[in-house]
Amino acid sequence: MRRQKMWLLILNITFNMVMGFILPVNMVFINKNLHEPLTTAGFALMVYSLFMMIGNALGGVLFDKTSRRWTLQSGYFIAVLTLIGMSFHHVWPSYIFMLVMLGFGMGISYTAINAYTAYIAEQSVGDSRIFFNNMYLAANVGIAIGSTAVSFIFNASIFLTFFIPVLMFVSCIIIVFFKADLFDETNEQANESHDHYNDDQPADPKIEIGDRRFRLNLIILSGAIFMMWMGYTQWDSNMSVYMLSRGMTMKQFGLIFTINATSLLIIQPIMNRVMSKLFKLLKNQIMIGITIMGLSFLLLPNAKSYLTFVTSMLILTVGEAMVFPTIPALLNKMSTNKNRGSLQSLYSIFGSLGRAVGPYVGSLLATWLTFGHLFYGITVMMIIIAVSLQSVKELNK
């Protein structure tokens, strides 16, 4: 079990290093290097995330119904082929086609990683949210490393900006190929324990909660994931343009994510120890965290100094540390061994949908109105979705 967790953490860090490379520079690259309008750049990222959402959905089905290991591998292969094309041929409009295919491949792999996380967390002794927290911390470390590195590499070489992620995903393919026995072992243990699970564990959460209320839970959680990511993804897209307009540099923008990851190294261990004691119900932890995330955006409309952006990110980090690993844990709490991959794909699907709509809607609001209206709107939206979570029925177990 320990080796399974270690290799899964490595895959998660590497995957998110690629995310850190790709997402922060796309808006600037399309806008500044390819000389397309900000709204076009936002639209391109929207299509990219929509195809990632399709990949998420397909990945969930394939994970539950076919080979889990090859579901993960297929996503990597698609992403590698696309990134090779982007390395040598990054011109408009073919760039957008390669970008959306990249999103499709990454979507498949992302859901597979999340589903593997759910299986291993379910088999672990103790509070399952600890492993989700560790995976989330690993993801943010990966994003921080990728975002910091690309802030230097982007100005030096567009080719390396896209080719270094190729090397990262190839390393993931090699890891999965040679460590396949560990992943297969996880699947076999899950299958072998399926009958034991049915005998010793409580009834299917869907039965205990009730079919109609269970569906309502999924609708509320899906809507919350979508709206939360629609706001959060402004940091990955429009915030780069906003900070540049305020006199900041790409290096300072990349450093923000390093600060985010560094602060998580302090915050996340505290979350592991304290949150399970403070919040017996996961939905209450999520509700408070989303509220904190929303309030962080109130600092941005009049931000003139780099310190203000850093403070906003630190507040956001506290909120996201409470929310992002806990939603998959709540979905896992509602799952059985038959639908764990499919329910985990909901987090990926609606997260991708939020990331799809967020940059485009944000660019429209910033263009038609102001960035201030955008940030105030995000705060109101976050508070509304936080309140809606009180309607979720969670089993107290």
Protein backbone atom coordinates (compact mmCIF):
# COMPACT_ATOMS: atom_id res chain seq x y z
CA MET A 1 0.00 0.00 0.00
CA ARG A 2 2.82 2.41 0.83
CA ARG A 3 4.51 1.83 -2.54
CA GLN A 4 1.22 2.33 -4.34
CA LYS A 5 0.75 5.66 -2.62
CA MET A 6 4.32 6.73 -3.40
CA TRP A 7 4.06 6.04 -7.13
CA LEU A 8 0.61 7.60 -7.34
CA LEU A 9 1.95 10.74 -5.63
CA ILE A 10 4.77 10.88 -8.19
CA LEU A 11 2.31 10.55 -11.09
CA ASN A 12 0.14 13.26 -9.55
CA ILE A 13 3.04 15.68 -9.06
CA THR A 14 4.26 15.12 -12.63
CA PHE A 15 0.78 15.54 -14.12
CA ASN A 16 0.30 18.83 -12.32
CA MET A 17 3.76 20.05 -13.28
CA VAL A 18 2.51 19.81 -16.87
CA MET A 19 -0.65 21.69 -15.88
CA GLY A 20 1.58 24.34 -14.33
CA PHE A 21 3.51 24.61 -17.58
CA ILE A 22 0.50 24.82 -19.89
CA LEU A 23 -2.25 26.79 -18.16
CA PRO A 24 -0.53 30.01 -17.00
CA VAL A 25 1.12 30.79 -20.35
CA ASN A 26 -1.73 29.91 -22.70
CA MET A 27 -3.69 33.14 -22.23
CA VAL A 28 -0.56 35.28 -22.62
CA PHE A 29 0.81 33.18 -25.51
CA ILE A 30 -2.38 33.41 -27.56
CA ASN A 31 -2.88 37.09 -26.73
CA LYS A 32 0.69 38.39 -26.97
CA ASN A 33 2.57 35.94 -29.21
CA LEU A 34 -0.18 34.85 -31.60
CA HIS A 35 -1.76 38.36 -31.52
CA GLU A 36 -5.31 37.19 -30.92
CA PRO A 37 -7.82 39.19 -28.81
CA LEU A 38 -8.24 38.41 -25.11
CA THR A 39 -11.75 37.07 -25.76
CA THR A 40 -10.36 34.70 -28.42
CA ALA A 41 -7.77 33.45 -25.95
CA GLY A 42 -10.51 32.89 -23.37
CA PHE A 43 -12.60 31.05 -25.96
CA ALA A 44 -9.65 28.81 -26.85
CA LEU A 45 -9.16 27.85 -23.20
CA MET A 46 -12.89 27.22 -22.91
CA VAL A 47 -12.81 24.73 -25.79
CA TYR A 48 -9.66 23.14 -24.31
CA SER A 49 -11.43 22.59 -20.99
CA LEU A 50 -14.61 21.33 -22.66
CA PHE A 51 -12.58 18.63 -24.37
CA MET A 52 -10.88 17.91 -21.06
CA MET A 53 -14.38 17.44 -19.63
CA ILE A 54 -15.20 14.95 -22.38
CA GLY A 55 -11.97 13.15 -21.56
CA ASN A 56 -12.93 13.16 -17.87
CA ALA A 57 -16.29 11.53 -18.63
CA LEU A 58 -14.76 8.93 -20.94
CA GLY A 59 -12.00 8.23 -18.42
CA GLY A 60 -14.54 7.52 -15.67
CA VAL A 61 -16.46 5.05 -17.83
CA LEU A 62 -13.31 3.32 -19.08
CA PHE A 63 -11.89 3.10 -15.55
CA ASP A 64 -14.99 1.34 -14.20
CA LYS A 65 -15.71 -0.85 -17.24
CA THR A 66 -12.32 -1.68 -18.83
CA SER A 67 -8.61 -1.74 -17.97
CA ARG A 68 -7.84 0.93 -15.41
CA ARG A 69 -4.13 0.91 -16.17
CA TRP A 70 -4.63 1.36 -19.93
CA THR A 71 -7.20 4.08 -19.30
CA LEU A 72 -4.42 6.04 -17.60
CA GLN A 73 -1.89 5.16 -20.33
CA SER A 74 -4.18 6.11 -23.23
CA GLY A 75 -4.59 9.63 -21.87
CA TYR A 76 -0.83 10.02 -21.58
CA PHE A 77 -0.26 8.79 -25.16
CA ILE A 78 -2.77 11.29 -26.62
CA ALA A 79 -1.23 14.14 -24.62
CA VAL A 80 2.35 13.25 -25.65
CA LEU A 81 1.53 13.14 -29.37
CA THR A 82 -0.28 16.48 -29.14
CA LEU A 83 2.51 18.19 -27.17
CA ILE A 84 5.07 17.04 -29.74
CA GLY A 85 2.97 18.74 -32.42
CA MET A 86 2.68 21.92 -30.32
CA SER A 87 6.45 21.97 -29.80
CA PHE A 88 7.18 22.17 -33.53
CA HIS A 89 4.06 23.87 -34.90
CA HIS A 90 2.67 26.50 -32.52
CA VAL A 91 0.84 28.79 -34.98
CA TRP A 92 -2.75 29.96 -35.24
CA PRO A 93 -5.30 28.45 -35.94
CA SER A 94 -3.87 24.89 -35.83
CA TYR A 95 -2.70 25.66 -32.29
CA ILE A 96 -6.27 25.57 -30.97
CA PHE A 97 -6.86 22.10 -32.48
CA MET A 98 -3.77 20.71 -30.77
CA LEU A 99 -4.73 22.49 -27.54
CA VAL A 100 -8.15 20.83 -27.37
CA MET A 101 -6.70 17.39 -28.14
CA LEU A 102 -4.26 17.96 -25.30
CA GLY A 103 -7.20 18.70 -23.02
CA PHE A 104 -8.94 15.49 -24.12
CA GLY A 105 -5.93 13.31 -23.35
CA MET A 106 -5.18 15.01 -20.05
CA GLY A 107 -8.83 14.67 -19.06
CA ILE A 108 -8.70 10.88 -19.40
CA SER A 109 -5.53 10.62 -17.31
CA TYR A 110 -6.76 13.10 -14.68
CA THR A 111 -9.90 11.08 -13.96
CA ALA A 112 -7.88 7.84 -13.81
CA ILE A 113 -5.50 9.34 -11.25
CA ASN A 114 -8.41 10.60 -9.14
CA ALA A 115 -10.16 7.22 -9.31
CA TYR A 116 -6.99 5.38 -8.26
CA THR A 117 -6.74 7.84 -5.36
CA ALA A 118 -10.28 6.97 -4.27
CA TYR A 119 -9.59 3.23 -4.35
CA ILE A 120 -6.39 3.49 -2.33
CA ALA A 121 -7.99 5.92 0.15
CA GLU A 122 -10.87 3.50 0.67
CA GLN A 123 -8.45 0.67 1.51
CA SER A 124 -6.36 2.83 3.86
CA VAL A 125 -6.70 2.67 7.64
CA GLY A 126 -7.99 5.84 9.30
CA ASP A 127 -9.56 9.01 7.94
CA SER A 128 -9.56 8.70 4.13
CA ARG A 129 -9.39 12.47 3.69
CA ILE A 130 -5.71 12.36 4.81
CA PHE A 131 -4.63 10.68 1.57
CA PHE A 132 -6.82 13.05 -0.46
CA ASN A 133 -5.10 15.94 1.35
CA ASN A 134 -1.67 14.49 0.57
CA MET A 135 -2.57 14.05 -3.10
CA TYR A 136 -3.85 17.60 -3.22
CA LEU A 137 -0.64 18.88 -1.65
CA ALA A 138 1.38 16.91 -4.21
CA ALA A 139 -0.72 18.40 -7.01
CA ASN A 140 -0.05 21.94 -5.83
CA VAL A 141 3.65 21.28 -5.45
CA GLY A 142 3.64 20.10 -9.06
CA ILE A 143 1.72 23.15 -10.28
CA ALA A 144 4.04 25.47 -8.36
CA ILE A 145 7.17 23.86 -9.80
CA GLY A 146 5.72 23.93 -13.31
CA SER A 147 4.45 27.52 -13.08
CA THR A 148 7.73 28.79 -11.63
CA ALA A 149 9.83 26.96 -14.22
CA VAL A 150 7.73 28.07 -17.18
CA SER A 151 7.92 31.72 -16.10
CA PHE A 152 11.64 31.50 -16.96
CA ILE A 153 11.49 29.01 -19.85
CA PHE A 154 8.62 30.75 -21.69
CA ASN A 155 10.70 33.85 -22.42
CA ALA A 156 13.71 31.76 -23.43
CA SER A 157 12.12 29.14 -25.70
CA ILE A 158 8.57 28.41 -26.88
CA PHE A 159 9.80 25.01 -28.09
CA LEU A 160 10.97 23.98 -24.60
CA THR A 161 7.74 25.32 -23.08
CA PHE A 162 5.86 22.54 -24.87
CA PHE A 163 8.58 19.89 -25.20
CA ILE A 164 9.52 19.64 -21.51
CA PRO A 165 5.95 18.46 -20.72
CA VAL A 166 6.49 15.76 -23.37
CA LEU A 167 9.41 14.43 -21.34
CA MET A 168 7.34 14.59 -18.16
CA PHE A 169 4.48 12.54 -19.59
CA VAL A 170 6.87 10.04 -21.19
CA SER A 171 8.34 9.48 -17.72
CA CYS A 172 4.79 8.81 -16.45
CA ILE A 173 4.21 6.27 -19.23
CA ILE A 174 7.44 4.49 -18.25
CA ILE A 175 6.47 4.46 -14.56
CA VAL A 176 3.04 2.98 -15.25
CA PHE A 177 4.51 0.42 -17.67
CA PHE A 178 7.13 -0.88 -15.25
CA LYS A 179 5.02 -0.51 -12.10
CA ALA A 180 1.86 -1.94 -13.61
CA ASP A 181 1.90 -4.83 -11.13
CA LEU A 182 1.31 -2.39 -8.28
CA PHE A 183 -1.70 -0.83 -9.96
CA ASP A 184 -3.05 -4.24 -10.97
CA GLU A 185 -2.54 -5.40 -7.40
CA THR A 186 -4.66 -2.51 -6.17
CA ASN A 187 -7.43 -3.47 -8.56
CA GLU A 188 -7.26 -7.15 -7.58
CA GLN A 189 -7.41 -6.33 -3.88
CA ALA A 190 -10.40 -4.09 -4.50
CA ASN A 191 -12.17 -6.81 -6.48
CA GLU A 192 -11.28 -9.56 -4.00
CA SER A 193 -12.57 -7.47 -1.10
CA HIS A 194 -15.79 -6.60 -2.91
CA ASP A 195 -17.84 -9.40 -1.34
CA HIS A 196 -16.28 -8.71 2.05
CA TYR A 197 -17.14 -5.06 1.59
CA ASN A 198 -20.78 -5.89 1.00
CA ASP A 199 -20.92 -8.08 4.10
CA ASP A 200 -19.12 -5.88 6.61
CA GLN A 201 -19.77 -2.35 5.42
CA PRO A 202 -23.01 -0.38 5.80
CA ALA A 203 -25.54 -0.48 2.99
CA ASP A 204 -25.03 1.35 -0.28
CA PRO A 205 -25.00 5.10 0.57
CA LYS A 206 -27.49 5.66 -2.25
CA ILE A 207 -29.97 3.39 -0.45
CA GLU A 208 -29.35 4.95 2.97
CA ILE A 209 -29.65 8.51 1.67
CA GLY A 210 -32.54 7.75 -0.64
CA ASP A 211 -32.50 7.77 -4.43
CA ARG A 212 -34.03 11.23 -4.91
CA ARG A 213 -31.94 12.86 -2.19
CA PHE A 214 -28.81 11.12 -3.53
CA ARG A 215 -29.41 12.65 -6.96
CA LEU A 216 -29.96 16.04 -5.33
CA ASN A 217 -26.62 15.64 -3.53
CA LEU A 218 -24.87 15.02 -6.83
CA ILE A 219 -26.59 17.99 -8.50
CA ILE A 220 -25.61 20.38 -5.69
CA LEU A 221 -22.04 19.10 -5.52
CA SER A 222 -21.66 19.20 -9.31
CA GLY A 223 -22.96 22.78 -9.41
CA ALA A 224 -20.66 23.78 -6.54
CA ILE A 225 -17.61 22.22 -8.25
CA PHE A 226 -18.46 23.99 -11.51
CA MET A 227 -19.01 27.44 -10.01
CA MET A 228 -16.05 27.17 -7.64
CA TRP A 229 -13.64 26.30 -10.44
CA MET A 230 -15.14 28.93 -12.72
CA GLY A 231 -14.01 31.50 -10.17
CA TYR A 232 -10.75 29.87 -9.14
CA THR A 233 -9.50 29.42 -12.69
CA GLN A 234 -9.18 33.19 -13.08
CA TRP A 235 -5.80 32.76 -11.39
CA ASP A 236 -4.74 30.41 -14.19
CA SER A 237 -5.95 32.66 -17.00
CA ASN A 238 -7.14 36.25 -16.77
CA MET A 239 -5.12 37.03 -13.65
CA SER A 240 -1.90 36.91 -15.67
CA VAL A 241 -3.22 39.65 -17.96
CA TYR A 242 -4.56 41.65 -15.00
CA MET A 243 -1.25 41.49 -13.13
CA LEU A 244 0.70 42.51 -16.23
CA SER A 245 -1.64 45.49 -16.66
CA ARG A 246 -0.84 46.47 -13.06
CA GLY A 247 2.88 46.58 -13.76
CA MET A 248 3.79 43.07 -12.62
CA THR A 249 5.95 40.65 -14.60
CA MET A 250 5.49 37.04 -15.73
CA LYS A 251 8.14 36.02 -13.20
CA GLN A 252 6.14 37.65 -10.40
CA PHE A 253 3.00 35.92 -11.66
CA GLY A 254 4.76 32.53 -11.65
CA LEU A 255 6.12 33.21 -8.17
CA ILE A 256 2.55 33.53 -6.90
CA PHE A 257 2.06 29.80 -7.48
CA THR A 258 5.33 29.03 -5.72
CA ILE A 259 4.05 30.98 -2.72
CA ASN A 260 0.79 29.05 -2.97
CA ALA A 261 2.56 25.68 -2.88
CA THR A 262 5.00 26.73 -0.14
CA SER A 263 2.21 27.92 2.12
CA LEU A 264 0.36 24.65 1.51
CA LEU A 265 3.35 22.77 2.92
CA ILE A 266 2.55 24.52 6.21
CA ILE A 267 -1.23 24.62 5.97
CA GLN A 268 -1.96 21.08 4.75
CA PRO A 269 -0.38 19.17 7.68
CA ILE A 270 -2.47 21.35 10.00
CA MET A 271 -5.56 20.47 7.97
CA ASN A 272 -4.77 16.76 8.29
CA ARG A 273 -4.63 17.01 12.09
CA VAL A 274 -7.29 19.60 12.85
CA MET A 275 -10.06 19.46 10.23
CA SER A 276 -11.32 15.96 11.10
CA LYS A 277 -11.73 17.10 14.70
CA LEU A 278 -13.39 20.41 13.89
CA PHE A 279 -15.70 19.15 11.16
CA LYS A 280 -17.33 15.75 11.55
CA LEU A 281 -19.35 16.40 8.39
CA LEU A 282 -17.27 17.05 5.29
CA LYS A 283 -19.88 19.40 3.81
CA ASN A 284 -19.36 21.89 6.65
CA GLN A 285 -15.62 22.01 6.01
CA ILE A 286 -16.30 22.58 2.30
CA MET A 287 -18.81 25.34 3.06
CA ILE A 288 -16.40 27.33 5.25
CA GLY A 289 -13.55 26.82 2.79
CA ILE A 290 -15.52 28.10 -0.21
CA THR A 291 -16.57 31.19 1.76
CA ILE A 292 -12.92 31.95 2.57
CA MET A 293 -12.01 31.49 -1.10
CA GLY A 294 -14.69 33.94 -2.17
CA LEU A 295 -13.63 36.60 0.33
CA SER A 296 -10.03 36.48 -0.95
CA PHE A 297 -11.12 38.06 -4.25
CA LEU A 298 -12.28 41.23 -2.47
CA LEU A 299 -8.64 42.37 -2.21
CA LEU A 300 -8.06 42.35 -5.97
CA PRO A 301 -10.21 45.13 -7.54
CA ASN A 302 -8.01 47.90 -6.10
CA ALA A 303 -4.76 45.93 -5.90
CA LYS A 304 -1.75 48.10 -6.74
CA SER A 305 1.11 46.34 -4.99
CA TYR A 306 2.48 42.84 -5.40
CA LEU A 307 1.95 42.25 -1.68
CA THR A 308 -1.81 42.60 -2.17
CA PHE A 309 -1.81 39.84 -4.76
CA VAL A 310 0.28 37.65 -2.47
CA THR A 311 -2.12 38.26 0.45
CA SER A 312 -5.11 37.40 -1.71
CA MET A 313 -3.43 34.17 -2.79
CA LEU A 314 -2.59 33.22 0.82
CA ILE A 315 -6.22 33.66 1.89
CA LEU A 316 -7.35 31.71 -1.15
CA THR A 317 -4.88 28.96 -0.23
CA VAL A 318 -6.44 28.50 3.22
CA GLY A 319 -9.86 28.11 1.63
CA GLU A 320 -8.79 25.81 -1.18
CA ALA A 321 -6.87 23.58 1.25
CA MET A 322 -10.15 23.02 3.06
CA VAL A 323 -12.18 22.44 -0.12
CA PHE A 324 -10.31 20.80 -2.98
CA PRO A 325 -9.25 17.53 -1.31
CA THR A 326 -12.48 17.29 0.68
CA ILE A 327 -14.95 17.23 -2.22
CA PRO A 328 -13.40 14.03 -3.68
CA ALA A 329 -13.42 12.59 -0.15
CA LEU A 330 -17.15 13.37 0.13
CA LEU A 331 -17.83 11.79 -3.27
CA ASN A 332 -15.85 8.75 -2.15
CA LYS A 333 -18.00 8.59 0.98
CA MET A 334 -21.04 8.32 -1.30
CA SER A 335 -19.48 5.60 -3.50
CA THR A 336 -19.27 1.84 -3.70
CA ASN A 337 -16.64 -0.30 -5.45
CA LYS A 338 -18.91 -0.45 -8.50
CA ASN A 339 -19.16 3.28 -9.19
CA ARG A 340 -16.11 4.84 -7.54
CA GLY A 341 -14.49 5.83 -10.83
CA SER A 342 -17.69 7.29 -12.26
CA LEU A 343 -18.44 9.40 -9.17
CA GLN A 344 -14.85 10.64 -9.00
CA SER A 345 -15.19 11.66 -12.65
CA LEU A 346 -17.90 14.14 -11.59
CA TYR A 347 -15.24 16.18 -9.81
CA SER A 348 -13.07 16.09 -12.92
CA ILE A 349 -15.94 16.76 -15.34
CA PHE A 350 -17.47 19.75 -13.60
CA GLY A 351 -14.05 21.06 -12.61
CA SER A 352 -13.11 20.98 -16.29
CA LEU A 353 -16.40 22.63 -17.22
CA GLY A 354 -15.69 25.41 -14.71
CA ARG A 355 -12.19 25.80 -16.11
CA ALA A 356 -13.71 25.88 -19.60
CA VAL A 357 -16.27 28.59 -18.91
CA GLY A 358 -14.24 30.57 -16.36
CA PRO A 359 -11.51 32.07 -18.59
CA TYR A 360 -13.98 33.00 -21.34
CA VAL A 361 -16.64 34.47 -19.06
CA GLY A 362 -13.93 36.24 -17.09
CA SER A 363 -12.42 37.74 -20.25
CA LEU A 364 -15.87 38.91 -21.37
CA LEU A 365 -16.64 40.57 -18.03
CA ALA A 366 -13.20 42.15 -17.89
CA THR A 367 -13.59 43.46 -21.46
CA TRP A 368 -17.20 44.62 -21.28
CA LEU A 369 -17.09 45.88 -17.68
CA THR A 370 -13.98 45.82 -15.47
CA PHE A 371 -11.83 43.32 -13.62
CA GLY A 372 -13.37 44.74 -10.43
CA HIS A 373 -16.85 43.61 -11.49
CA LEU A 374 -15.40 40.18 -12.22
CA PHE A 375 -13.85 39.82 -8.77
CA TYR A 376 -16.91 41.07 -6.89
CA GLY A 377 -19.09 38.68 -8.91
CA ILE A 378 -16.85 35.76 -7.94
CA THR A 379 -17.20 36.61 -4.23
CA VAL A 380 -21.01 36.69 -4.42
CA MET A 381 -21.07 33.44 -6.41
CA MET A 382 -18.84 31.64 -3.91
CA ILE A 383 -20.99 32.66 -0.95
CA ILE A 384 -24.17 31.48 -2.71
CA ILE A 385 -22.74 28.04 -3.47
CA ALA A 386 -21.41 27.74 0.08
CA VAL A 387 -24.91 28.28 1.48
CA SER A 388 -26.38 25.74 -0.98
CA LEU A 389 -24.18 22.99 0.47
CA GLN A 390 -26.34 22.92 3.61
CA SER A 391 -28.90 21.06 1.51
CA VAL A 392 -26.54 18.13 0.99
CA LYS A 393 -27.47 15.05 3.05
CA GLU A 394 -24.27 13.42 4.32
CA LEU A 395 -24.11 10.14 6.19
CA ASN A 396 -22.43 10.62 9.56
CA LYS A 397 -19.97 7.73 9.39
